[in-house]
């Protein structure tokens, strides 16, 4: 039977049911999304999906709650929130609806689950505390979404629902942007691998355009590569390689003498005609031609040795 209603709880909201709603409304765009605790709406039916409310986790009944005791657990014993349950059962369909290639769906589904869904699950269940984010705690996605709740003295009877539905398109955008990024990494994989094979033992990797490469270099253990060059518009860039996406530390920095210089000042220090810019943090430099950026890259390698 066609899904005609998506049911979650009324009142205040959290990231898990907002994110679940984004997934389900993408898959069932004609279904009506209702926020209610009315038992009539929480009675299971083949045309309903009920989530983050209902008191049970029952796939056949299409009820995906996690507040009951005992709550549903992942294979590793970590708790699910409603988002984790919805992603487990509908995530691959969601990726297919985004036109992710069939051969990439399983890997992207798992990657998104580990990097994005599970942290939401753990936070919602109190298995981790917001304080783990340190001074960025108020800038995490769950915290930002909760900031969209109505203020305490908004006495409108529809305040919570209005805020929920205003937040929903924002959540849609976050999910799809992250998944598009994962899909882009999958598309880049073959290109980056081919480029690595082409350069052999060189410590400079040339790519045909800007694309994700850091995680691919780690995956294929191309540890010898220190810098990446590629065209950007009418210019060429020279990029360092971060040790991880959670740090600014790199395999090698650009030379300290280049930091913060541009145009004639950078040309004078590098001795390279066409050198245009080097970031003060020494992770990127720009030149006007491929020949100039290659010369800068070779000089950077010599300094890094």
C-alpha atoms as a PDB file:
ATOM      1  CA  UNK A   1       0.000   0.000   0.000  1.00  0.00           C
ATOM      2  CA  UNK A   2       1.131   3.577  -0.659  1.00  0.00           C
ATOM      3  CA  UNK A   3       2.516   5.487   2.319  1.00  0.00           C
ATOM      4  CA  UNK A   4       0.124   8.378   2.902  1.00  0.00           C
ATOM      5  CA  UNK A   5       1.203   9.523   6.372  1.00  0.00           C
ATOM      6  CA  UNK A   6       4.495  10.049   8.166  1.00  0.00           C
ATOM      7  CA  UNK A   7       3.934  10.385  11.901  1.00  0.00           C
ATOM      8  CA  UNK A   8       6.327  11.718  14.524  1.00  0.00           C
ATOM      9  CA  UNK A   9       5.669  13.267  17.915  1.00  0.00           C
ATOM     10  CA  UNK A  10       4.372  16.755  18.585  1.00  0.00           C
ATOM     11  CA  UNK A  11       5.939  19.335  20.908  1.00  0.00           C
ATOM     12  CA  UNK A  12       9.642  20.138  21.039  1.00  0.00           C
ATOM     13  CA  UNK A  13      11.936  18.537  18.503  1.00  0.00           C
ATOM     14  CA  UNK A  14      15.451  17.174  18.249  1.00  0.00           C
ATOM     15  CA  UNK A  15      17.867  16.395  15.450  1.00  0.00           C
ATOM     16  CA  UNK A  16      16.951  12.713  15.183  1.00  0.00           C
ATOM     17  CA  UNK A  17      13.320  13.067  14.127  1.00  0.00           C
ATOM     18  CA  UNK A  18      14.113  16.106  11.980  1.00  0.00           C
ATOM     19  CA  UNK A  19      16.740  14.122  10.090  1.00  0.00           C
ATOM     20  CA  UNK A  20      14.427  11.114   9.876  1.00  0.00           C
ATOM     21  CA  UNK A  21      11.736  13.375   8.450  1.00  0.00           C
ATOM     22  CA  UNK A  22      14.125  14.655   5.797  1.00  0.00           C
ATOM     23  CA  UNK A  23      14.847  11.109   4.645  1.00  0.00           C
ATOM     24  CA  UNK A  24      11.220   9.994   4.645  1.00  0.00           C
ATOM     25  CA  UNK A  25       9.756  13.066   2.969  1.00  0.00           C
ATOM     26  CA  UNK A  26      12.284  12.638   0.146  1.00  0.00           C
ATOM     27  CA  UNK A  27      11.189   9.029  -0.340  1.00  0.00           C
ATOM     28  CA  UNK A  28       7.462   9.661   0.142  1.00  0.00           C
ATOM     29  CA  UNK A  29       6.941  13.201  -1.165  1.00  0.00           C
ATOM     30  CA  UNK A  30       3.150  12.911  -1.404  1.00  0.00           C
ATOM     31  CA  UNK A  31       2.739  11.628   2.163  1.00  0.00           C
ATOM     32  CA  UNK A  32       1.434  13.992   4.829  1.00  0.00           C
ATOM     33  CA  UNK A  33       3.865  14.616   7.686  1.00  0.00           C
ATOM     34  CA  UNK A  34       2.014  14.914  10.980  1.00  0.00           C
ATOM     35  CA  UNK A  35       3.339  15.682  14.453  1.00  0.00           C
ATOM     36  CA  UNK A  36       1.028  14.134  17.016  1.00  0.00           C
ATOM     37  CA  UNK A  37       0.786  12.047  20.181  1.00  0.00           C
ATOM     38  CA  UNK A  38      -2.859  11.197  19.500  1.00  0.00           C
ATOM     39  CA  UNK A  39      -3.223   7.429  19.875  1.00  0.00           C
ATOM     40  CA  UNK A  40      -5.384   7.320  16.774  1.00  0.00           C
ATOM     41  CA  UNK A  41      -2.470   8.493  14.653  1.00  0.00           C
ATOM     42  CA  UNK A  42      -0.031   6.232  16.527  1.00  0.00           C
ATOM     43  CA  UNK A  43      -2.030   3.141  15.711  1.00  0.00           C
ATOM     44  CA  UNK A  44      -0.039   1.259  13.067  1.00  0.00           C
ATOM     45  CA  UNK A  45      -1.367   0.823   9.558  1.00  0.00           C
ATOM     46  CA  UNK A  46       0.180  -0.203   6.262  1.00  0.00           C
ATOM     47  CA  UNK A  47      -0.106   3.360   4.924  1.00  0.00           C
ATOM     48  CA  UNK A  48       1.810   4.912   7.875  1.00  0.00           C
ATOM     49  CA  UNK A  49       5.395   5.167   9.009  1.00  0.00           C
ATOM     50  CA  UNK A  50       5.641   6.116  12.693  1.00  0.00           C
ATOM     51  CA  UNK A  51       8.998   7.222  14.127  1.00  0.00           C
ATOM     52  CA  UNK A  52      10.531   8.610  17.312  1.00  0.00           C
ATOM     53  CA  UNK A  53       7.234   7.841  19.006  1.00  0.00           C
ATOM     54  CA  UNK A  54       5.028   4.793  19.421  1.00  0.00           C
ATOM     55  CA  UNK A  55       6.888   2.904  22.122  1.00  0.00           C
ATOM     56  CA  UNK A  56       8.218   0.018  19.994  1.00  0.00           C
ATOM     57  CA  UNK A  57      10.631  -0.822  17.231  1.00  0.00           C
ATOM     58  CA  UNK A  58       8.654  -3.009  14.860  1.00  0.00           C
ATOM     59  CA  UNK A  59       9.711  -3.078  11.229  1.00  0.00           C
ATOM     60  CA  UNK A  60       6.643  -4.987  10.036  1.00  0.00           C
ATOM     61  CA  UNK A  61       4.342  -2.464  11.732  1.00  0.00           C
ATOM     62  CA  UNK A  62       6.522   0.384  10.390  1.00  0.00           C
ATOM     63  CA  UNK A  63       7.118   1.828  13.852  1.00  0.00           C
ATOM     64  CA  UNK A  64      10.622   3.108  14.564  1.00  0.00           C
ATOM     65  CA  UNK A  65      10.880   4.290  18.156  1.00  0.00           C
ATOM     66  CA  UNK A  66      13.877   4.005  20.479  1.00  0.00           C
ATOM     67  CA  UNK A  67      12.634   5.425  23.776  1.00  0.00           C
ATOM     68  CA  UNK A  68      11.349   2.109  25.162  1.00  0.00           C
ATOM     69  CA  UNK A  69      13.337  -0.192  27.438  1.00  0.00           C
ATOM     70  CA  UNK A  70      15.269  -2.007  26.227  1.00  0.00           C
ATOM     71  CA  UNK A  71      15.896   0.244  23.252  1.00  0.00           C
ATOM     72  CA  UNK A  72      17.176  -1.040  19.919  1.00  0.00           C
ATOM     73  CA  UNK A  73      20.946  -1.486  19.658  1.00  0.00           C
ATOM     74  CA  UNK A  74      23.429  -1.673  16.818  1.00  0.00           C
ATOM     75  CA  UNK A  75      25.467  -4.839  16.344  1.00  0.00           C
ATOM     76  CA  UNK A  76      28.259  -3.267  18.388  1.00  0.00           C
ATOM     77  CA  UNK A  77      25.883  -2.530  21.281  1.00  0.00           C
ATOM     78  CA  UNK A  78      25.611   1.216  20.618  1.00  0.00           C
ATOM     79  CA  UNK A  79      22.075   2.644  20.880  1.00  0.00           C
ATOM     80  CA  UNK A  80      19.984   3.689  17.911  1.00  0.00           C
ATOM     81  CA  UNK A  81      17.945   6.865  17.748  1.00  0.00           C
ATOM     82  CA  UNK A  82      15.039   7.101  15.335  1.00  0.00           C
ATOM     83  CA  UNK A  83      17.429   8.511  12.736  1.00  0.00           C
ATOM     84  CA  UNK A  84      19.662   5.456  12.913  1.00  0.00           C
ATOM     85  CA  UNK A  85      16.653   3.153  12.569  1.00  0.00           C
ATOM     86  CA  UNK A  86      15.237   5.076   9.621  1.00  0.00           C
ATOM     87  CA  UNK A  87      18.649   5.217   7.930  1.00  0.00           C
ATOM     88  CA  UNK A  88      19.169   1.477   8.454  1.00  0.00           C
ATOM     89  CA  UNK A  89      15.874   0.637   6.770  1.00  0.00           C
ATOM     90  CA  UNK A  90      15.427   3.423   4.213  1.00  0.00           C
ATOM     91  CA  UNK A  91      18.905   4.873   3.668  1.00  0.00           C
ATOM     92  CA  UNK A  92      19.809   2.808   0.627  1.00  0.00           C
ATOM     93  CA  UNK A  93      16.485   3.686  -1.013  1.00  0.00           C
ATOM     94  CA  UNK A  94      17.230   7.332  -0.246  1.00  0.00           C
ATOM     95  CA  UNK A  95      20.603   7.082  -1.988  1.00  0.00           C
ATOM     96  CA  UNK A  96      18.978   5.452  -4.996  1.00  0.00           C
ATOM     97  CA  UNK A  97      16.457   8.302  -5.090  1.00  0.00           C
ATOM     98  CA  UNK A  98      19.436  10.693  -5.229  1.00  0.00           C
ATOM     99  CA  UNK A  99      20.669   8.792  -8.318  1.00  0.00           C
ATOM    100  CA  UNK A 100      23.779   7.540  -6.538  1.00  0.00           C
ATOM    101  CA  UNK A 101      25.260   4.809  -8.790  1.00  0.00           C
ATOM    102  CA  UNK A 102      24.231   1.331  -7.681  1.00  0.00           C
ATOM    103  CA  UNK A 103      27.829   0.226  -7.216  1.00  0.00           C
ATOM    104  CA  UNK A 104      28.463   3.043  -4.717  1.00  0.00           C
ATOM    105  CA  UNK A 105      25.293   2.807  -2.624  1.00  0.00           C
ATOM    106  CA  UNK A 106      26.430   0.239  -0.058  1.00  0.00           C
ATOM    107  CA  UNK A 107      29.730   1.979   0.680  1.00  0.00           C
ATOM    108  CA  UNK A 108      28.192   5.462   0.894  1.00  0.00           C
ATOM    109  CA  UNK A 109      25.353   4.161   3.059  1.00  0.00           C
ATOM    110  CA  UNK A 110      27.868   2.708   5.521  1.00  0.00           C
ATOM    111  CA  UNK A 111      30.131   5.776   5.456  1.00  0.00           C
ATOM    112  CA  UNK A 112      27.235   8.153   6.155  1.00  0.00           C
ATOM    113  CA  UNK A 113      26.031   5.893   8.945  1.00  0.00           C
ATOM    114  CA  UNK A 114      29.408   5.890  10.683  1.00  0.00           C
ATOM    115  CA  UNK A 115      30.356   9.527  10.169  1.00  0.00           C
ATOM    116  CA  UNK A 116      26.988  11.270  10.434  1.00  0.00           C
ATOM    117  CA  UNK A 117      24.157   9.050  11.694  1.00  0.00           C
ATOM    118  CA  UNK A 118      25.826   7.273  14.601  1.00  0.00           C
ATOM    119  CA  UNK A 119      26.996  10.488  16.324  1.00  0.00           C
ATOM    120  CA  UNK A 120      23.397  11.736  16.216  1.00  0.00           C
ATOM    121  CA  UNK A 121      22.237   8.412  17.694  1.00  0.00           C
ATOM    122  CA  UNK A 122      24.793   8.523  20.502  1.00  0.00           C
ATOM    123  CA  UNK A 123      24.110  12.139  21.401  1.00  0.00           C
ATOM    124  CA  UNK A 124      20.333  11.700  21.367  1.00  0.00           C
ATOM    125  CA  UNK A 125      20.610   8.725  23.719  1.00  0.00           C
ATOM    126  CA  UNK A 126      23.053  10.406  26.084  1.00  0.00           C
ATOM    127  CA  UNK A 127      25.789   7.897  25.165  1.00  0.00           C
ATOM    128  CA  UNK A 128      28.069  10.857  24.488  1.00  0.00           C
ATOM    129  CA  UNK A 129      27.832  14.370  25.874  1.00  0.00           C
ATOM    130  CA  UNK A 130      27.832  17.630  23.906  1.00  0.00           C
ATOM    131  CA  UNK A 131      30.940  18.594  25.870  1.00  0.00           C
ATOM    132  CA  UNK A 132      33.044  16.224  23.714  1.00  0.00           C
ATOM    133  CA  UNK A 133      32.906  18.975  21.078  1.00  0.00           C
ATOM    134  CA  UNK A 134      34.631  21.365  23.478  1.00  0.00           C
ATOM    135  CA  UNK A 135      34.270  25.063  22.578  1.00  0.00           C
ATOM    136  CA  UNK A 136      32.460  24.021  19.370  1.00  0.00           C
ATOM    137  CA  UNK A 137      29.636  22.320  21.301  1.00  0.00           C
ATOM    138  CA  UNK A 138      27.148  25.045  20.391  1.00  0.00           C
ATOM    139  CA  UNK A 139      28.086  24.724  16.717  1.00  0.00           C
ATOM    140  CA  UNK A 140      27.348  21.022  16.248  1.00  0.00           C
ATOM    141  CA  UNK A 141      24.437  20.203  13.950  1.00  0.00           C
ATOM    142  CA  UNK A 142      22.140  18.990  16.778  1.00  0.00           C
ATOM    143  CA  UNK A 143      22.815  22.182  18.749  1.00  0.00           C
ATOM    144  CA  UNK A 144      22.216  24.403  15.723  1.00  0.00           C
ATOM    145  CA  UNK A 145      18.960  22.614  14.898  1.00  0.00           C
ATOM    146  CA  UNK A 146      17.739  22.965  18.468  1.00  0.00           C
ATOM    147  CA  UNK A 147      18.478  26.677  18.255  1.00  0.00           C
ATOM    148  CA  UNK A 148      15.664  26.826  15.681  1.00  0.00           C
ATOM    149  CA  UNK A 149      13.087  25.905  18.316  1.00  0.00           C
ATOM    150  CA  UNK A 150      10.652  28.668  19.313  1.00  0.00           C
ATOM    151  CA  UNK A 151      11.578  30.854  22.266  1.00  0.00           C
ATOM    152  CA  UNK A 152       9.980  30.054  25.620  1.00  0.00           C
ATOM    153  CA  UNK A 153       7.486  32.919  25.557  1.00  0.00           C
ATOM    154  CA  UNK A 154       6.163  32.284  22.056  1.00  0.00           C
ATOM    155  CA  UNK A 155       2.667  31.272  23.064  1.00  0.00           C
ATOM    156  CA  UNK A 156       1.418  30.451  19.579  1.00  0.00           C
ATOM    157  CA  UNK A 157      -0.338  27.077  19.498  1.00  0.00           C
ATOM    158  CA  UNK A 158       1.560  26.223  16.312  1.00  0.00           C
ATOM    159  CA  UNK A 159       4.983  27.513  17.395  1.00  0.00           C
ATOM    160  CA  UNK A 160       6.691  24.108  17.613  1.00  0.00           C
ATOM    161  CA  UNK A 161       5.216  22.846  14.362  1.00  0.00           C
ATOM    162  CA  UNK A 162       6.047  26.081  12.562  1.00  0.00           C
ATOM    163  CA  UNK A 163       9.651  25.885  13.751  1.00  0.00           C
ATOM    164  CA  UNK A 164       9.902  22.187  12.854  1.00  0.00           C
ATOM    165  CA  UNK A 165       8.688  22.669   9.298  1.00  0.00           C
ATOM    166  CA  UNK A 166      10.894  25.739   8.851  1.00  0.00           C
ATOM    167  CA  UNK A 167      13.915  23.658   9.928  1.00  0.00           C
ATOM    168  CA  UNK A 168      13.111  20.729   7.645  1.00  0.00           C
ATOM    169  CA  UNK A 169      14.456  22.184   4.357  1.00  0.00           C
ATOM    170  CA  UNK A 170      17.671  23.173   6.161  1.00  0.00           C
ATOM    171  CA  UNK A 171      18.099  19.560   7.276  1.00  0.00           C
ATOM    172  CA  UNK A 172      17.396  18.325   3.745  1.00  0.00           C
ATOM    173  CA  UNK A 173      20.207  20.506   2.469  1.00  0.00           C
ATOM    174  CA  UNK A 174      22.718  19.277   5.036  1.00  0.00           C
ATOM    175  CA  UNK A 175      22.018  15.621   4.342  1.00  0.00           C
ATOM    176  CA  UNK A 176      22.125  15.923   0.576  1.00  0.00           C
ATOM    177  CA  UNK A 177      25.229  18.126   0.570  1.00  0.00           C
ATOM    178  CA  UNK A 178      27.142  15.600   2.689  1.00  0.00           C
ATOM    179  CA  UNK A 179      25.973  12.677   0.572  1.00  0.00           C
ATOM    180  CA  UNK A 180      26.836  14.538  -2.633  1.00  0.00           C
ATOM    181  CA  UNK A 181      30.320  15.009  -1.193  1.00  0.00           C
ATOM    182  CA  UNK A 182      30.635  11.279  -0.500  1.00  0.00           C
ATOM    183  CA  UNK A 183      29.440  10.537  -4.038  1.00  0.00           C
ATOM    184  CA  UNK A 184      32.022  12.974  -5.391  1.00  0.00           C
ATOM    185  CA  UNK A 185      34.753  11.114  -3.495  1.00  0.00           C
ATOM    186  CA  UNK A 186      33.589   7.894  -5.119  1.00  0.00           C
ATOM    187  CA  UNK A 187      33.740   9.511  -8.571  1.00  0.00           C
ATOM    188  CA  UNK A 188      37.181  10.934  -7.856  1.00  0.00           C
ATOM    189  CA  UNK A 189      38.628   7.614  -6.732  1.00  0.00           C
ATOM    190  CA  UNK A 190      39.514   6.278 -10.178  1.00  0.00           C
ATOM    191  CA  UNK A 191      40.901   9.628 -11.349  1.00  0.00           C
ATOM    192  CA  UNK A 192      43.153  10.034  -8.323  1.00  0.00           C
ATOM    193  CA  UNK A 193      44.376   6.446  -8.477  1.00  0.00           C
ATOM    194  CA  UNK A 194      45.251   6.828 -12.155  1.00  0.00           C
ATOM    195  CA  UNK A 195      47.130  10.059 -11.391  1.00  0.00           C
ATOM    196  CA  UNK A 196      49.064   8.339  -8.595  1.00  0.00           C
ATOM    197  CA  UNK A 197      50.080   5.538 -10.934  1.00  0.00           C
ATOM    198  CA  UNK A 198      51.160   8.082 -13.532  1.00  0.00           C
ATOM    199  CA  UNK A 199      53.514  10.029 -11.247  1.00  0.00           C
ATOM    200  CA  UNK A 200      55.203   6.937  -9.868  1.00  0.00           C
ATOM    201  CA  UNK A 201      57.671   7.875  -7.110  1.00  0.00           C
ATOM    202  CA  UNK A 202      57.272  11.625  -7.586  1.00  0.00           C
ATOM    203  CA  UNK A 203      56.249  13.540  -4.471  1.00  0.00           C
ATOM    204  CA  UNK A 204      54.043  15.842  -6.556  1.00  0.00           C
ATOM    205  CA  UNK A 205      50.622  14.657  -7.715  1.00  0.00           C
ATOM    206  CA  UNK A 206      48.972  16.432 -10.649  1.00  0.00           C
ATOM    207  CA  UNK A 207      45.190  16.270 -10.977  1.00  0.00           C
ATOM    208  CA  UNK A 208      43.102  17.503 -13.926  1.00  0.00           C
ATOM    209  CA  UNK A 209      40.931  19.671 -11.647  1.00  0.00           C
ATOM    210  CA  UNK A 210      40.162  20.256  -8.003  1.00  0.00           C
ATOM    211  CA  UNK A 211      38.608  17.154  -6.414  1.00  0.00           C
ATOM    212  CA  UNK A 212      38.664  15.160  -3.157  1.00  0.00           C
ATOM    213  CA  UNK A 213      42.025  13.448  -2.789  1.00  0.00           C
ATOM    214  CA  UNK A 214      43.262  13.378   0.824  1.00  0.00           C
ATOM    215  CA  UNK A 215      41.293  10.339   2.008  1.00  0.00           C
ATOM    216  CA  UNK A 216      42.091   8.505  -1.231  1.00  0.00           C
ATOM    217  CA  UNK A 217      45.826   9.067  -0.752  1.00  0.00           C
ATOM    218  CA  UNK A 218      45.483   7.566   2.718  1.00  0.00           C
ATOM    219  CA  UNK A 219      43.415   4.622   1.491  1.00  0.00           C
ATOM    220  CA  UNK A 220      45.887   3.642  -1.230  1.00  0.00           C
ATOM    221  CA  UNK A 221      48.858   4.383   1.072  1.00  0.00           C
ATOM    222  CA  UNK A 222      50.446   6.907  -1.301  1.00  0.00           C
ATOM    223  CA  UNK A 223      52.473   8.248   1.616  1.00  0.00           C
ATOM    224  CA  UNK A 224      55.290   9.525  -0.576  1.00  0.00           C
ATOM    225  CA  UNK A 225      53.189  12.299  -2.118  1.00  0.00           C
ATOM    226  CA  UNK A 226      53.670  15.633  -0.338  1.00  0.00           C
ATOM    227  CA  UNK A 227      51.912  18.146  -2.597  1.00  0.00           C
ATOM    228  CA  UNK A 228      49.078  18.246  -5.120  1.00  0.00           C
ATOM    229  CA  UNK A 229      48.771  20.612  -8.079  1.00  0.00           C
ATOM    230  CA  UNK A 230      45.782  21.260 -10.311  1.00  0.00           C
ATOM    231  CA  UNK A 231      44.268  24.007 -12.452  1.00  0.00           C
ATOM    232  CA  UNK A 232      41.741  26.408 -10.894  1.00  0.00           C
ATOM    233  CA  UNK A 233      40.109  28.747 -13.368  1.00  0.00           C
ATOM    234  CA  UNK A 234      42.902  30.541 -15.204  1.00  0.00           C
ATOM    235  CA  UNK A 235      45.434  29.776 -12.459  1.00  0.00           C
ATOM    236  CA  UNK A 236      47.090  26.708 -10.940  1.00  0.00           C
ATOM    237  CA  UNK A 237      47.195  25.779  -7.257  1.00  0.00           C
ATOM    238  CA  UNK A 238      49.770  23.996  -5.119  1.00  0.00           C
ATOM    239  CA  UNK A 239      48.206  22.281  -2.113  1.00  0.00           C
ATOM    240  CA  UNK A 240      49.505  20.602   0.998  1.00  0.00           C
ATOM    241  CA  UNK A 241      47.977  17.340   2.247  1.00  0.00           C
ATOM    242  CA  UNK A 242      46.345  17.337   5.684  1.00  0.00           C
ATOM    243  CA  UNK A 243      47.156  14.453   7.993  1.00  0.00           C
ATOM    244  CA  UNK A 244      43.418  14.181   8.641  1.00  0.00           C
ATOM    245  CA  UNK A 245      40.306  16.263   8.104  1.00  0.00           C
ATOM    246  CA  UNK A 246      40.334  17.085  11.811  1.00  0.00           C
ATOM    247  CA  UNK A 247      43.700  18.860  11.838  1.00  0.00           C
ATOM    248  CA  UNK A 248      45.593  21.584  10.028  1.00  0.00           C
ATOM    249  CA  UNK A 249      48.824  19.589  10.273  1.00  0.00           C
ATOM    250  CA  UNK A 250      50.145  18.519   6.887  1.00  0.00           C
ATOM    251  CA  UNK A 251      52.554  15.975   5.484  1.00  0.00           C
ATOM    252  CA  UNK A 252      54.696  18.963   4.515  1.00  0.00           C
ATOM    253  CA  UNK A 253      54.180  22.724   4.706  1.00  0.00           C
ATOM    254  CA  UNK A 254      55.040  25.138   1.961  1.00  0.00           C
ATOM    255  CA  UNK A 255      58.282  27.053   2.684  1.00  0.00           C
ATOM    256  CA  UNK A 256      58.085  29.463   5.601  1.00  0.00           C
ATOM    257  CA  UNK A 257      59.668  32.244   3.538  1.00  0.00           C
ATOM    258  CA  UNK A 258      56.655  32.188   1.178  1.00  0.00           C
ATOM    259  CA  UNK A 259      54.023  32.688   3.872  1.00  0.00           C
ATOM    260  CA  UNK A 260      51.629  35.568   3.227  1.00  0.00           C
ATOM    261  CA  UNK A 261      53.412  36.849   0.131  1.00  0.00           C
ATOM    262  CA  UNK A 262      51.879  37.639  -3.236  1.00  0.00           C
ATOM    263  CA  UNK A 263      52.774  38.792  -6.745  1.00  0.00           C
ATOM    264  CA  UNK A 264      56.196  40.463  -7.096  1.00  0.00           C
ATOM    265  CA  UNK A 265      57.177  39.800  -3.480  1.00  0.00           C
ATOM    266  CA  UNK A 266      56.467  36.084  -3.890  1.00  0.00           C
ATOM    267  CA  UNK A 267      58.200  35.979  -7.263  1.00  0.00           C
ATOM    268  CA  UNK A 268      61.291  37.497  -5.669  1.00  0.00           C
ATOM    269  CA  UNK A 269      61.425  35.010  -2.801  1.00  0.00           C
ATOM    270  CA  UNK A 270      60.615  31.913  -4.886  1.00  0.00           C
ATOM    271  CA  UNK A 271      62.508  32.925  -7.996  1.00  0.00           C
ATOM    272  CA  UNK A 272      59.482  31.786 -10.014  1.00  0.00           C
ATOM    273  CA  UNK A 273      57.971  34.055 -12.639  1.00  0.00           C
ATOM    274  CA  UNK A 274      54.189  33.839 -12.350  1.00  0.00           C
ATOM    275  CA  UNK A 275      54.028  33.044  -8.621  1.00  0.00           C
ATOM    276  CA  UNK A 276      50.941  34.870  -7.375  1.00  0.00           C
ATOM    277  CA  UNK A 277      50.044  33.988  -3.777  1.00  0.00           C
ATOM    278  CA  UNK A 278      50.922  31.830  -0.775  1.00  0.00           C
ATOM    279  CA  UNK A 279      48.584  31.558   2.184  1.00  0.00           C
ATOM    280  CA  UNK A 280      50.018  32.650   5.505  1.00  0.00           C
ATOM    281  CA  UNK A 281      49.245  29.180   6.905  1.00  0.00           C
ATOM    282  CA  UNK A 282      51.342  27.636   4.089  1.00  0.00           C
ATOM    283  CA  UNK A 283      48.768  25.115   2.871  1.00  0.00           C
ATOM    284  CA  UNK A 284      48.103  26.575  -0.585  1.00  0.00           C
ATOM    285  CA  UNK A 285      49.917  28.631  -3.180  1.00  0.00           C
ATOM    286  CA  UNK A 286      48.787  29.944  -6.567  1.00  0.00           C
ATOM    287  CA  UNK A 287      50.625  30.594  -9.823  1.00  0.00           C
ATOM    288  CA  UNK A 288      49.522  31.773 -13.241  1.00  0.00           C
ATOM    289  CA  UNK A 289      50.780  28.775 -15.270  1.00  0.00           C
ATOM    290  CA  UNK A 290      51.345  25.047 -14.937  1.00  0.00           C
ATOM    291  CA  UNK A 291      55.059  25.545 -15.496  1.00  0.00           C
ATOM    292  CA  UNK A 292      55.238  28.071 -12.651  1.00  0.00           C
ATOM    293  CA  UNK A 293      53.286  25.911 -10.207  1.00  0.00           C
ATOM    294  CA  UNK A 294      55.452  22.881 -11.034  1.00  0.00           C
ATOM    295  CA  UNK A 295      58.572  24.913 -10.363  1.00  0.00           C
ATOM    296  CA  UNK A 296      57.149  26.068  -7.032  1.00  0.00           C
ATOM    297  CA  UNK A 297      56.154  22.501  -6.156  1.00  0.00           C
ATOM    298  CA  UNK A 298      59.642  21.201  -6.846  1.00  0.00           C
ATOM    299  CA  UNK A 299      61.158  23.930  -4.698  1.00  0.00           C
ATOM    300  CA  UNK A 300      58.694  23.111  -1.898  1.00  0.00           C
ATOM    301  CA  UNK A 301      59.717  19.438  -2.063  1.00  0.00           C
ATOM    302  CA  UNK A 302      63.386  20.364  -1.785  1.00  0.00           C
ATOM    303  CA  UNK A 303      62.722  22.447   1.331  1.00  0.00           C
ATOM    304  CA  UNK A 304      60.559  19.714   2.867  1.00  0.00           C
ATOM    305  CA  UNK A 305      63.262  17.040   2.572  1.00  0.00           C
END
